[in-house]
Amino acid sequence: MTEDEMRKRLTALRMEHRDLDAAIEALSTAGSTDQLQIARLKKRKLRLKDQISMIEDHLIPDIIA
């Protein structure tokens, strides 16, 4: 995967992460009793965060001070 592709993927993942955050918030404030759905969305959000972190680690080099 090229650096440009990684940046595009990172943008898409961040957008999906924000969308999931909004969906979780909407379900919670609406008083949804479907806790299983909320839990699944939260797990998906955590997986996205892990993917975002991995891509950021590849794009941002470690600098030894």
Protein backbone atom coordinates (compact mmCIF):
# COMPACT_ATOMS: atom_id res chain seq x y z
CA MET A 1 0.00 0.00 0.00
CA THR A 2 1.48 3.35 -1.01
CA GLU A 3 1.66 6.32 1.33
CA ASP A 4 -1.09 8.10 -0.62
CA GLU A 5 -3.37 5.07 -0.35
CA MET A 6 -2.64 4.85 3.37
CA ARG A 7 -3.60 8.50 3.84
CA LYS A 8 -6.87 7.98 1.95
CA ARG A 9 -7.64 4.88 4.01
CA LEU A 10 -6.84 6.80 7.18
CA THR A 11 -9.27 9.56 6.20
CA ALA A 12 -12.00 7.00 5.49
CA LEU A 13 -11.40 5.20 8.78
CA ARG A 14 -11.53 8.44 10.75
CA MET A 15 -14.80 9.38 9.07
CA GLU A 16 -16.32 5.98 9.84
CA HIS A 17 -15.09 6.28 13.44
CA ARG A 18 -16.85 9.65 13.82
CA ASP A 19 -20.01 8.25 12.25
CA LEU A 20 -20.03 5.35 14.68
CA ASP A 21 -19.51 7.75 17.56
CA ALA A 22 -22.53 9.75 16.42
CA ALA A 23 -24.62 6.59 16.01
CA ILE A 24 -23.71 5.35 19.49
CA GLU A 25 -24.53 8.74 20.97
CA ALA A 26 -27.88 8.86 19.13
CA LEU A 27 -28.87 5.39 20.33
CA SER A 28 -27.84 6.20 23.89
CA THR A 29 -29.69 9.50 24.08
CA ALA A 30 -32.79 8.02 22.43
CA GLY A 31 -32.99 5.58 25.32
CA SER A 32 -32.45 2.56 23.14
CA THR A 33 -32.88 -0.70 24.98
CA ASP A 34 -30.83 -2.59 22.40
CA GLN A 35 -27.65 -2.77 24.44
CA LEU A 36 -26.29 -5.55 22.23
CA GLN A 37 -26.37 -3.26 19.20
CA ILE A 38 -24.64 -0.48 21.15
CA ALA A 39 -21.97 -2.93 22.34
CA ARG A 40 -21.36 -4.12 18.77
CA LEU A 41 -20.98 -0.55 17.55
CA LYS A 42 -18.52 0.18 20.34
CA LYS A 43 -16.45 -2.90 19.44
CA ARG A 44 -16.42 -1.83 15.79
CA LYS A 45 -15.33 1.63 16.87
CA LEU A 46 -12.44 0.14 18.88
CA ARG A 47 -11.32 -1.96 15.89
CA LEU A 48 -11.34 1.16 13.74
CA LYS A 49 -9.26 2.99 16.32
CA ASP A 50 -6.70 0.17 16.24
CA GLN A 51 -6.55 0.30 12.44
CA ILE A 52 -6.15 4.09 12.57
CA SER A 53 -3.28 3.75 15.04
CA MET A 54 -1.51 1.15 12.90
CA ILE A 55 -1.68 3.33 9.79
CA GLU A 56 -0.55 6.40 11.72
CA ASP A 57 2.42 4.42 13.07
CA HIS A 58 3.44 3.56 9.51
CA LEU A 59 3.05 7.12 8.28
CA ILE A 60 4.73 8.90 11.18
CA PRO A 61 8.31 7.71 11.66
CA ASP A 62 9.73 7.23 15.12
CA ILE A 63 12.17 9.98 15.99
CA ILE A 64 14.79 9.14 18.57
CA ALA A 65 15.52 12.26 20.57
